[in-house]
Protein backbone atom coordinates (compact mmCIF):
# COMPACT_ATOMS: atom_id res chain seq x y z
CA MET A 1 -19.39 48.34 -23.91
CA ALA A 2 -22.45 46.95 -25.54
CA ALA A 3 -20.56 43.82 -26.80
CA LEU A 4 -19.40 43.04 -23.37
CA SER A 5 -22.98 43.36 -22.05
CA HIS A 6 -24.08 40.99 -24.59
CA HIS A 7 -21.67 38.39 -23.71
CA ASP A 8 -22.93 38.61 -20.03
CA VAL A 9 -19.49 40.10 -18.94
CA LEU A 10 -20.98 43.58 -17.72
CA LYS A 11 -24.36 44.42 -16.20
CA THR A 12 -25.12 47.45 -18.22
CA MET A 13 -24.30 48.83 -21.88
CA GLU A 14 -23.45 52.36 -20.85
CA PRO A 15 -21.22 53.59 -18.17
CA LEU A 16 -22.73 54.42 -14.63
CA THR A 17 -22.15 57.44 -12.61
CA CYS A 18 -20.47 56.05 -9.51
CA SER A 19 -19.20 57.64 -6.20
CA ASP A 20 -16.93 56.78 -3.30
CA GLY A 21 -18.63 59.43 -1.18
CA VAL A 22 -16.10 61.98 -1.93
CA GLN A 23 -15.97 62.25 -5.74
CA ASN A 24 -18.05 60.96 -8.75
CA PHE A 25 -16.56 59.00 -11.47
CA THR A 26 -17.43 56.61 -14.29
CA CYS A 27 -17.71 52.93 -13.51
CA LEU A 28 -18.86 49.61 -14.94
CA LEU A 29 -20.19 46.68 -13.00
CA SER A 30 -19.10 43.29 -13.92
CA LYS A 31 -20.07 39.68 -12.93
CA THR A 32 -16.61 38.38 -13.30
CA ASP A 33 -13.01 39.57 -12.97
CA ILE A 34 -11.29 41.84 -15.41
CA THR A 35 -10.17 39.07 -17.75
CA PRO A 36 -13.09 38.94 -20.14
CA VAL A 37 -13.35 42.72 -20.32
CA LEU A 38 -9.79 42.98 -21.18
CA GLY A 39 -10.21 40.30 -23.80
CA GLU A 40 -13.08 42.19 -25.46
CA LEU A 41 -11.29 45.45 -25.48
CA LYS A 42 -8.12 43.83 -27.14
CA LYS A 43 -10.58 42.81 -29.84
CA ILE A 44 -11.18 46.41 -30.73
CA GLY A 45 -7.45 47.46 -30.22
CA ALA A 46 -7.72 49.17 -26.87
CA ALA A 47 -4.99 48.10 -24.53
CA PRO A 48 -5.66 50.06 -21.16
CA GLU A 49 -3.33 50.34 -18.23
CA VAL A 50 -4.80 48.30 -15.49
CA SER A 51 -4.25 48.85 -11.81
CA PRO A 52 -6.20 47.50 -8.68
CA ALA A 53 -8.89 49.81 -7.30
CA ALA A 54 -9.07 49.00 -3.50
CA ARG A 55 -12.68 49.67 -2.77
CA ARG A 56 -15.15 47.63 -0.80
CA TRP A 57 -18.33 49.51 -1.83
CA VAL A 58 -19.46 51.97 -4.44
CA LEU A 59 -22.34 54.18 -4.74
CA VAL A 60 -24.19 53.73 -8.20
CA LEU A 61 -26.66 56.33 -9.37
CA ASP A 62 -29.82 54.43 -10.53
CA PHE A 63 -33.15 55.61 -11.70
CA ASN A 64 -36.08 54.33 -9.63
CA PHE A 65 -38.91 53.72 -11.89
CA THR A 66 -41.38 53.14 -9.31
CA GLU A 67 -40.80 56.46 -7.53
CA GLY A 68 -39.82 58.19 -10.70
CA SER A 69 -36.56 59.56 -9.34
CA TRP A 70 -32.85 58.98 -9.09
CA ARG A 71 -31.18 57.50 -6.00
CA TRP A 72 -27.84 56.29 -4.96
CA ARG A 73 -27.64 52.61 -4.41
CA ASN A 74 -24.77 50.88 -2.41
CA VAL A 75 -23.11 48.09 -4.11
CA THR A 76 -20.55 45.79 -2.39
CA VAL A 77 -17.39 45.42 -4.41
CA VAL A 78 -15.65 42.09 -4.64
CA ARG A 79 -12.60 43.34 -6.58
CA GLY A 80 -12.14 46.54 -8.55
CA TRP A 81 -9.79 47.80 -11.33
CA GLU A 82 -8.87 51.21 -12.77
CA LEU A 83 -8.45 51.27 -16.55
CA LYS A 84 -6.64 54.20 -18.25
CA TRP A 85 -6.33 54.76 -22.05
CA ASN A 86 -6.42 57.57 -24.39
CA ASN A 87 -6.75 60.09 -21.60
CA GLU A 88 -9.64 58.44 -20.25
CA THR A 89 -10.23 56.61 -16.82
CA THR A 90 -12.99 54.30 -15.87
CA TYR A 91 -13.32 51.65 -13.10
CA VAL A 92 -14.67 48.17 -13.37
CA PHE A 93 -16.10 46.72 -10.39
CA GLN A 94 -16.82 42.84 -9.88
CA ALA A 95 -20.06 42.73 -7.85
CA GLN A 96 -22.77 40.30 -6.98
CA ILE A 97 -25.09 40.79 -9.81
CA LYS A 98 -28.27 38.92 -10.14
CA LYS A 99 -28.77 39.16 -13.94
CA SER A 100 -26.67 40.85 -16.47
CA LEU A 101 -28.01 42.55 -19.52
CA GLY A 102 -27.08 39.83 -21.80
CA GLU A 103 -28.88 37.16 -19.54
CA MET A 104 -32.15 39.34 -19.71
CA VAL A 105 -31.81 39.50 -23.37
CA LYS A 106 -31.59 35.71 -23.70
CA ILE A 107 -34.38 35.12 -21.34
CA THR A 108 -36.62 37.58 -23.20
CA ARG A 109 -35.57 35.61 -26.54
CA SER A 110 -36.54 32.26 -25.16
CA PHE A 111 -40.02 33.65 -24.24
CA GLN A 112 -40.53 35.08 -27.76
CA LYS A 113 -39.65 31.84 -29.57
CA PRO A 114 -42.64 30.10 -31.28
CA SER A 115 -43.97 27.12 -29.53
CA SER A 116 -42.75 23.84 -30.94
CA CYS A 117 -45.83 21.80 -29.66
CA GLY A 118 -47.66 22.05 -32.92
CA VAL A 119 -50.26 24.26 -31.46
CA SER A 120 -51.32 27.44 -33.70
């Protein structure tokens, strides 16, 4: 999952705790459709069964650093998929994500590069 995050496919490296209001489950938020996720999983030999997950929204458990507490955040789902392999089930939801983890890492690295203007 870390590799998927680095390539701007997923928002987070670790699975998220999500809810549909009835039950909690593991999910991942993606900026794109399922194709890049399946491509990366194929590279490590994982071939999950994929089926559509018909959800319009999902609640994601987030830590609010300002308040120092956990909170449920409502995320609008563009498309969703259920992935099953090795007795594990997870959901991947395509959502409108402002910045993925990989994008944030690239931005941070660009600010850390030494200046090329000759000033020392």
